[in-house]
């Protein structure tokens, strides 16, 4: 598995299962990669646009941000789809159970009081969060 991340997060991404990490700040993945089987786009925009060219014919492009361009997909002989979800209790229970069983690793960047939510939003928007930002009720 290949992933993009900043150099500061490369060790974390390796620990999560990546065989190769491309530092998106210094290297363009669309130049470095070819003949990839599957791309999971979590960024959209220019990153999604560049993803078509790294896939091999018959490959799959899945975006969780925005619907891929079907004309681009056809031109590159790939299957492209948008994958969104709606949370519901049964799925959340399943995910909670996986966490409790130690089968799902959740990376927590920081835990803040609910009253500090704006700080959490600011940190998230900075692009420097490494994992989830949790909010807890004030005590």
N, C-alpha and C. Protein backbone atom coordinates (compact mmCIF):
# COMPACT_ATOMS: atom_id res chain seq x y z
N UNK A 1 0.84 -1.17 0.00
CA UNK A 1 0.00 0.00 0.00
C UNK A 1 0.89 1.24 0.00
N UNK A 2 0.49 2.21 -0.77
CA UNK A 2 1.20 3.48 -0.89
C UNK A 2 0.29 4.58 -0.35
N UNK A 3 0.87 5.51 0.40
CA UNK A 3 0.08 6.60 0.95
C UNK A 3 0.85 7.91 0.80
N UNK A 4 0.13 9.01 0.85
CA UNK A 4 0.77 10.31 0.91
C UNK A 4 0.59 10.86 2.32
N UNK A 5 1.59 11.58 2.77
CA UNK A 5 1.57 12.21 4.09
C UNK A 5 2.74 13.18 4.14
N UNK A 6 2.75 14.03 5.14
CA UNK A 6 3.92 14.88 5.33
C UNK A 6 5.04 14.02 5.93
N UNK A 7 6.26 14.46 5.77
CA UNK A 7 7.40 13.72 6.31
C UNK A 7 7.25 13.52 7.82
N UNK A 8 6.66 14.50 8.49
CA UNK A 8 6.49 14.40 9.95
C UNK A 8 5.56 13.25 10.33
N UNK A 9 4.67 12.84 9.43
CA UNK A 9 3.73 11.77 9.74
C UNK A 9 4.07 10.44 9.06
N UNK A 10 5.22 10.37 8.40
CA UNK A 10 5.59 9.15 7.66
C UNK A 10 5.66 7.92 8.56
N UNK A 11 6.27 8.03 9.72
CA UNK A 11 6.38 6.87 10.62
C UNK A 11 5.00 6.40 11.06
N UNK A 12 4.12 7.31 11.38
CA UNK A 12 2.76 6.94 11.77
C UNK A 12 2.07 6.20 10.63
N UNK A 13 2.16 6.73 9.42
CA UNK A 13 1.49 6.10 8.27
C UNK A 13 2.09 4.72 7.99
N UNK A 14 3.40 4.59 8.13
CA UNK A 14 4.02 3.26 8.00
C UNK A 14 3.46 2.31 9.06
N UNK A 15 3.31 2.79 10.28
CA UNK A 15 2.81 1.93 11.37
C UNK A 15 1.36 1.50 11.14
N UNK A 16 0.64 2.25 10.31
CA UNK A 16 -0.74 1.91 9.98
C UNK A 16 -0.84 0.95 8.80
N UNK A 17 0.32 0.61 8.20
CA UNK A 17 0.32 -0.40 7.15
C UNK A 17 0.84 0.03 5.80
N UNK A 18 1.24 1.28 5.62
CA UNK A 18 1.76 1.71 4.33
C UNK A 18 3.15 1.12 4.10
N UNK A 19 3.36 0.61 2.89
CA UNK A 19 4.68 0.11 2.50
C UNK A 19 5.56 1.25 2.02
N UNK A 20 4.92 2.25 1.41
CA UNK A 20 5.63 3.40 0.88
C UNK A 20 4.85 4.66 1.23
N UNK A 21 5.55 5.70 1.64
CA UNK A 21 4.93 6.98 1.94
C UNK A 21 5.57 8.05 1.07
N UNK A 22 4.74 8.77 0.34
CA UNK A 22 5.21 9.87 -0.50
C UNK A 22 4.91 11.17 0.24
N UNK A 23 5.95 11.97 0.45
CA UNK A 23 5.80 13.26 1.12
C UNK A 23 5.14 14.22 0.14
N UNK A 24 3.87 14.52 0.36
CA UNK A 24 3.13 15.36 -0.58
C UNK A 24 3.65 16.79 -0.65
N UNK A 25 4.46 17.18 0.33
CA UNK A 25 4.99 18.55 0.32
C UNK A 25 6.20 18.69 -0.60
N UNK A 26 6.90 17.57 -0.87
CA UNK A 26 8.12 17.65 -1.67
C UNK A 26 8.06 16.82 -2.94
N UNK A 27 7.06 15.96 -3.08
CA UNK A 27 6.99 15.08 -4.25
C UNK A 27 5.56 15.01 -4.77
N UNK A 28 5.40 15.04 -6.07
CA UNK A 28 4.10 14.96 -6.71
C UNK A 28 3.78 13.49 -6.97
N UNK A 29 2.79 12.95 -6.28
CA UNK A 29 2.45 11.53 -6.43
C UNK A 29 2.11 11.18 -7.87
N UNK A 30 1.57 12.15 -8.62
CA UNK A 30 1.15 11.86 -10.00
C UNK A 30 2.35 11.70 -10.94
N UNK A 31 3.51 12.15 -10.51
CA UNK A 31 4.74 11.94 -11.27
C UNK A 31 5.42 10.65 -10.79
N UNK A 32 5.34 10.38 -9.50
CA UNK A 32 6.05 9.24 -8.91
C UNK A 32 5.38 7.89 -9.16
N UNK A 33 4.07 7.88 -9.39
CA UNK A 33 3.35 6.61 -9.47
C UNK A 33 2.78 6.34 -10.85
N UNK A 34 2.71 5.06 -11.21
CA UNK A 34 2.06 4.58 -12.42
C UNK A 34 1.54 3.17 -12.16
N UNK A 35 0.52 2.80 -12.91
CA UNK A 35 -0.03 1.44 -12.88
C UNK A 35 -0.51 1.01 -11.50
N UNK A 36 -1.15 1.92 -10.80
CA UNK A 36 -1.73 1.63 -9.48
C UNK A 36 -3.09 0.96 -9.68
N UNK A 37 -3.41 -0.01 -8.84
CA UNK A 37 -4.68 -0.73 -8.94
C UNK A 37 -5.86 0.08 -8.45
N UNK A 38 -5.71 0.72 -7.27
CA UNK A 38 -6.81 1.44 -6.64
C UNK A 38 -6.28 2.73 -6.03
N UNK A 39 -7.04 3.82 -6.21
CA UNK A 39 -6.76 5.08 -5.54
C UNK A 39 -7.96 5.43 -4.69
N UNK A 40 -7.73 5.72 -3.41
CA UNK A 40 -8.76 6.22 -2.51
C UNK A 40 -8.45 7.70 -2.29
N UNK A 41 -9.28 8.56 -2.87
CA UNK A 41 -9.09 10.00 -2.77
C UNK A 41 -9.82 10.54 -1.55
N UNK A 42 -9.07 11.18 -0.66
CA UNK A 42 -9.67 11.79 0.54
C UNK A 42 -9.50 13.31 0.55
N UNK A 43 -9.04 13.86 -0.59
CA UNK A 43 -8.75 15.29 -0.66
C UNK A 43 -9.63 16.01 -1.67
N UNK A 44 -9.83 15.42 -2.84
CA UNK A 44 -10.62 16.06 -3.89
C UNK A 44 -9.82 17.09 -4.66
N UNK A 45 -10.51 17.90 -5.46
CA UNK A 45 -9.89 18.98 -6.21
C UNK A 45 -8.76 18.51 -7.11
N UNK A 46 -7.63 19.19 -7.04
CA UNK A 46 -6.47 18.88 -7.89
C UNK A 46 -5.96 17.47 -7.63
N UNK A 47 -6.01 17.01 -6.38
CA UNK A 47 -5.54 15.66 -6.07
C UNK A 47 -6.39 14.63 -6.80
N UNK A 48 -7.70 14.81 -6.79
CA UNK A 48 -8.59 13.91 -7.53
C UNK A 48 -8.27 13.96 -9.02
N UNK A 49 -8.08 15.15 -9.57
CA UNK A 49 -7.78 15.30 -10.99
C UNK A 49 -6.50 14.57 -11.40
N UNK A 50 -5.49 14.61 -10.54
CA UNK A 50 -4.22 13.94 -10.83
C UNK A 50 -4.30 12.42 -10.66
N UNK A 51 -5.29 11.95 -9.93
CA UNK A 51 -5.37 10.52 -9.61
C UNK A 51 -5.67 9.64 -10.81
N UNK A 52 -6.38 10.16 -11.80
CA UNK A 52 -6.74 9.35 -12.97
C UNK A 52 -5.50 8.80 -13.66
N UNK A 53 -4.47 9.62 -13.78
CA UNK A 53 -3.29 9.25 -14.56
C UNK A 53 -2.39 8.23 -13.88
N UNK A 54 -2.53 8.01 -12.60
CA UNK A 54 -1.65 7.03 -11.94
C UNK A 54 -2.22 5.61 -11.98
N UNK A 55 -3.49 5.49 -12.34
CA UNK A 55 -4.14 4.18 -12.35
C UNK A 55 -3.85 3.42 -13.63
N UNK A 56 -3.76 2.11 -13.50
CA UNK A 56 -3.60 1.27 -14.69
C UNK A 56 -4.98 1.05 -15.32
N UNK A 57 -5.03 0.74 -16.60
CA UNK A 57 -6.32 0.44 -17.22
C UNK A 57 -7.05 -0.66 -16.43
N UNK A 58 -8.34 -0.43 -16.19
CA UNK A 58 -9.11 -1.37 -15.39
C UNK A 58 -9.05 -1.08 -13.90
N UNK A 59 -8.29 -0.04 -13.51
CA UNK A 59 -8.15 0.32 -12.11
C UNK A 59 -9.40 0.99 -11.55
N UNK A 60 -9.37 1.27 -10.26
CA UNK A 60 -10.51 1.84 -9.55
C UNK A 60 -10.12 3.12 -8.84
N UNK A 61 -10.95 4.14 -9.00
CA UNK A 61 -10.78 5.41 -8.29
C UNK A 61 -12.01 5.62 -7.43
N UNK A 62 -11.79 5.75 -6.14
CA UNK A 62 -12.88 5.96 -5.19
C UNK A 62 -12.61 7.26 -4.46
N UNK A 63 -13.56 8.17 -4.51
CA UNK A 63 -13.42 9.43 -3.80
C UNK A 63 -14.45 9.50 -2.68
N UNK A 64 -14.00 9.92 -1.52
CA UNK A 64 -14.94 10.13 -0.40
C UNK A 64 -15.25 11.62 -0.24
N UNK A 65 -14.75 12.44 -1.19
CA UNK A 65 -14.90 13.88 -1.10
C UNK A 65 -15.91 14.41 -2.11
N UNK A 66 -15.80 13.93 -3.35
CA UNK A 66 -16.63 14.44 -4.43
C UNK A 66 -16.75 13.40 -5.53
N UNK A 67 -17.82 13.46 -6.32
CA UNK A 67 -17.98 12.50 -7.41
C UNK A 67 -16.89 12.69 -8.47
N UNK A 68 -16.21 11.62 -8.86
CA UNK A 68 -15.21 11.71 -9.92
C UNK A 68 -15.85 12.00 -11.27
N UNK A 69 -15.08 12.56 -12.16
CA UNK A 69 -15.51 12.89 -13.51
C UNK A 69 -15.58 11.60 -14.34
N UNK A 70 -16.76 11.22 -14.77
CA UNK A 70 -16.93 9.97 -15.50
C UNK A 70 -16.31 10.01 -16.89
N UNK A 71 -16.23 11.18 -17.51
CA UNK A 71 -15.56 11.28 -18.81
C UNK A 71 -14.06 11.02 -18.67
N UNK A 72 -13.47 11.55 -17.60
CA UNK A 72 -12.05 11.28 -17.32
C UNK A 72 -11.84 9.79 -17.05
N UNK A 73 -12.75 9.21 -16.29
CA UNK A 73 -12.63 7.78 -15.98
C UNK A 73 -12.67 6.96 -17.26
N UNK A 74 -13.59 7.28 -18.14
CA UNK A 74 -13.71 6.54 -19.41
C UNK A 74 -12.46 6.73 -20.25
N UNK A 75 -11.94 7.96 -20.31
CA UNK A 75 -10.74 8.24 -21.09
C UNK A 75 -9.53 7.47 -20.60
N UNK A 76 -9.49 7.18 -19.29
CA UNK A 76 -8.37 6.44 -18.70
C UNK A 76 -8.69 4.95 -18.52
N UNK A 77 -9.87 4.52 -18.99
CA UNK A 77 -10.29 3.11 -18.90
C UNK A 77 -10.26 2.61 -17.45
N UNK A 78 -10.87 3.40 -16.57
CA UNK A 78 -10.95 3.02 -15.16
C UNK A 78 -12.40 3.13 -14.69
N UNK A 79 -12.66 2.56 -13.54
CA UNK A 79 -13.95 2.70 -12.88
C UNK A 79 -13.78 3.73 -11.77
N UNK A 80 -14.64 4.74 -11.76
CA UNK A 80 -14.54 5.80 -10.75
C UNK A 80 -15.88 5.97 -10.06
N UNK A 81 -15.84 6.09 -8.74
CA UNK A 81 -17.08 6.21 -7.98
C UNK A 81 -16.90 7.11 -6.77
N UNK A 82 -18.00 7.64 -6.32
CA UNK A 82 -18.06 8.44 -5.09
C UNK A 82 -18.62 7.54 -4.00
N UNK A 83 -17.98 7.54 -2.85
CA UNK A 83 -18.44 6.72 -1.74
C UNK A 83 -18.70 7.62 -0.54
N UNK A 84 -19.96 7.79 -0.22
CA UNK A 84 -20.35 8.55 0.96
C UNK A 84 -21.13 7.64 1.88
N UNK A 85 -21.38 8.09 3.07
CA UNK A 85 -22.14 7.27 3.99
C UNK A 85 -22.96 8.14 4.93
N UNK A 86 -23.95 7.51 5.49
CA UNK A 86 -24.74 8.13 6.56
C UNK A 86 -24.57 7.26 7.79
N UNK A 87 -24.22 7.89 8.88
CA UNK A 87 -24.05 7.15 10.12
C UNK A 87 -25.39 6.71 10.67
N UNK A 88 -25.41 5.52 11.24
CA UNK A 88 -26.58 5.08 11.98
C UNK A 88 -26.12 4.20 13.12
N UNK A 89 -26.99 3.96 14.06
CA UNK A 89 -26.64 3.31 15.33
C UNK A 89 -25.96 1.97 15.14
N UNK A 90 -26.44 1.12 14.24
CA UNK A 90 -25.86 -0.21 14.07
C UNK A 90 -24.40 -0.12 13.61
N UNK A 91 -24.11 0.79 12.67
CA UNK A 91 -22.73 0.96 12.21
C UNK A 91 -21.85 1.50 13.33
N UNK A 92 -22.36 2.47 14.06
CA UNK A 92 -21.57 3.03 15.16
C UNK A 92 -21.30 1.98 16.24
N UNK A 93 -22.28 1.11 16.51
CA UNK A 93 -22.08 0.02 17.46
C UNK A 93 -20.99 -0.94 16.97
N UNK A 94 -21.02 -1.25 15.68
CA UNK A 94 -20.01 -2.13 15.09
C UNK A 94 -18.62 -1.52 15.23
N UNK A 95 -18.50 -0.26 14.89
CA UNK A 95 -17.21 0.43 14.99
C UNK A 95 -16.74 0.48 16.44
N UNK A 96 -17.65 0.77 17.35
CA UNK A 96 -17.31 0.81 18.77
C UNK A 96 -16.81 -0.55 19.24
N UNK A 97 -17.47 -1.62 18.80
CA UNK A 97 -17.05 -2.97 19.16
C UNK A 97 -15.67 -3.31 18.63
N UNK A 98 -15.38 -2.88 17.41
CA UNK A 98 -14.05 -3.11 16.84
C UNK A 98 -12.98 -2.37 17.64
N UNK A 99 -13.30 -1.16 18.06
CA UNK A 99 -12.36 -0.39 18.90
C UNK A 99 -12.13 -1.11 20.23
N UNK A 100 -13.22 -1.52 20.88
CA UNK A 100 -13.12 -2.19 22.17
C UNK A 100 -12.31 -3.49 22.08
N UNK A 101 -12.43 -4.18 20.94
CA UNK A 101 -11.72 -5.45 20.74
C UNK A 101 -10.27 -5.24 20.32
N UNK A 102 -9.87 -3.99 20.13
CA UNK A 102 -8.50 -3.71 19.73
C UNK A 102 -8.23 -4.00 18.26
N UNK A 103 -9.29 -4.12 17.44
CA UNK A 103 -9.12 -4.45 16.02
C UNK A 103 -9.14 -3.21 15.13
N UNK A 104 -9.44 -2.08 15.70
CA UNK A 104 -9.46 -0.84 14.95
C UNK A 104 -8.64 0.18 15.73
N UNK A 105 -7.65 0.72 15.09
CA UNK A 105 -6.78 1.68 15.75
C UNK A 105 -7.23 3.09 15.42
N UNK A 106 -7.54 3.85 16.43
CA UNK A 106 -7.97 5.23 16.25
C UNK A 106 -6.84 6.14 16.72
N UNK A 107 -6.44 7.03 15.85
CA UNK A 107 -5.38 7.98 16.19
C UNK A 107 -6.04 9.26 16.70
N UNK A 108 -5.72 9.64 17.92
CA UNK A 108 -6.30 10.84 18.52
C UNK A 108 -5.21 11.91 18.57
N UNK A 109 -5.47 13.02 17.91
CA UNK A 109 -4.54 14.14 17.91
C UNK A 109 -4.58 14.87 19.24
N UNK A 110 -5.81 15.15 19.70
CA UNK A 110 -5.98 15.85 20.98
C UNK A 110 -7.41 15.72 21.46
N UNK A 111 -7.58 15.87 22.75
CA UNK A 111 -8.89 15.88 23.37
C UNK A 111 -9.09 17.24 24.03
N UNK A 112 -10.20 17.89 23.68
CA UNK A 112 -10.48 19.23 24.18
C UNK A 112 -11.83 19.26 24.88
N UNK A 113 -12.00 20.22 25.77
CA UNK A 113 -13.31 20.45 26.36
C UNK A 113 -14.22 21.03 25.28
N UNK A 114 -15.50 20.75 25.37
CA UNK A 114 -16.47 21.26 24.42
C UNK A 114 -16.39 22.79 24.31
N UNK A 115 -16.08 23.42 25.43
CA UNK A 115 -15.97 24.88 25.42
C UNK A 115 -14.78 25.37 24.58
N UNK A 116 -13.85 24.47 24.25
CA UNK A 116 -12.69 24.81 23.42
C UNK A 116 -12.87 24.35 21.97
N UNK A 117 -14.12 24.14 21.56
CA UNK A 117 -14.40 23.63 20.22
C UNK A 117 -13.78 24.50 19.14
N UNK A 118 -13.81 25.81 19.29
CA UNK A 118 -13.25 26.69 18.26
C UNK A 118 -11.76 26.41 18.07
N UNK A 119 -11.04 26.13 19.17
CA UNK A 119 -9.62 25.79 19.05
C UNK A 119 -9.44 24.51 18.23
N UNK A 120 -10.32 23.55 18.46
CA UNK A 120 -10.26 22.30 17.71
C UNK A 120 -10.54 22.52 16.23
N UNK A 121 -11.54 23.35 15.92
CA UNK A 121 -11.86 23.66 14.52
C UNK A 121 -10.70 24.39 13.84
N UNK A 122 -10.09 25.30 14.56
CA UNK A 122 -8.95 26.03 14.01
C UNK A 122 -7.79 25.09 13.74
N UNK A 123 -7.53 24.18 14.68
CA UNK A 123 -6.44 23.21 14.50
C UNK A 123 -6.75 22.28 13.32
N UNK A 124 -7.98 21.82 13.22
CA UNK A 124 -8.36 20.95 12.11
C UNK A 124 -8.20 21.67 10.77
N UNK A 125 -8.63 22.90 10.69
CA UNK A 125 -8.54 23.68 9.46
C UNK A 125 -7.10 23.99 9.07
N UNK A 126 -6.19 23.95 10.02
CA UNK A 126 -4.79 24.24 9.73
C UNK A 126 -4.13 23.14 8.90
N UNK A 127 -4.77 21.96 8.87
CA UNK A 127 -4.19 20.84 8.13
C UNK A 127 -3.08 20.14 8.89
N UNK A 128 -2.88 20.50 10.14
CA UNK A 128 -1.79 19.92 10.93
C UNK A 128 -2.26 18.86 11.93
N UNK A 129 -3.55 18.61 11.97
CA UNK A 129 -4.06 17.58 12.88
C UNK A 129 -3.61 16.22 12.38
N UNK A 130 -3.15 15.42 13.30
CA UNK A 130 -2.71 14.06 12.98
C UNK A 130 -3.63 13.11 13.73
N UNK A 131 -4.76 12.81 13.15
CA UNK A 131 -5.75 11.98 13.81
C UNK A 131 -6.98 12.79 14.17
N UNK A 132 -7.82 12.19 14.97
CA UNK A 132 -9.10 12.80 15.34
C UNK A 132 -8.93 13.81 16.47
N UNK A 133 -9.78 14.80 16.46
CA UNK A 133 -9.85 15.77 17.55
C UNK A 133 -11.14 15.47 18.29
N UNK A 134 -11.01 15.09 19.55
CA UNK A 134 -12.16 14.71 20.36
C UNK A 134 -12.60 15.87 21.22
N UNK A 135 -13.91 16.00 21.38
CA UNK A 135 -14.48 17.01 22.26
C UNK A 135 -15.21 16.32 23.39
N UNK A 136 -15.01 16.77 24.61
CA UNK A 136 -15.72 16.19 25.75
C UNK A 136 -16.46 17.29 26.50
N UNK A 137 -17.56 16.92 27.11
CA UNK A 137 -18.34 17.93 27.85
C UNK A 137 -17.50 18.53 28.97
N UNK A 138 -17.76 19.79 29.25
CA UNK A 138 -17.10 20.44 30.38
C UNK A 138 -17.50 19.77 31.67
N UNK A 139 -16.58 19.70 32.61
CA UNK A 139 -16.88 19.00 33.87
C UNK A 139 -17.38 19.95 34.92
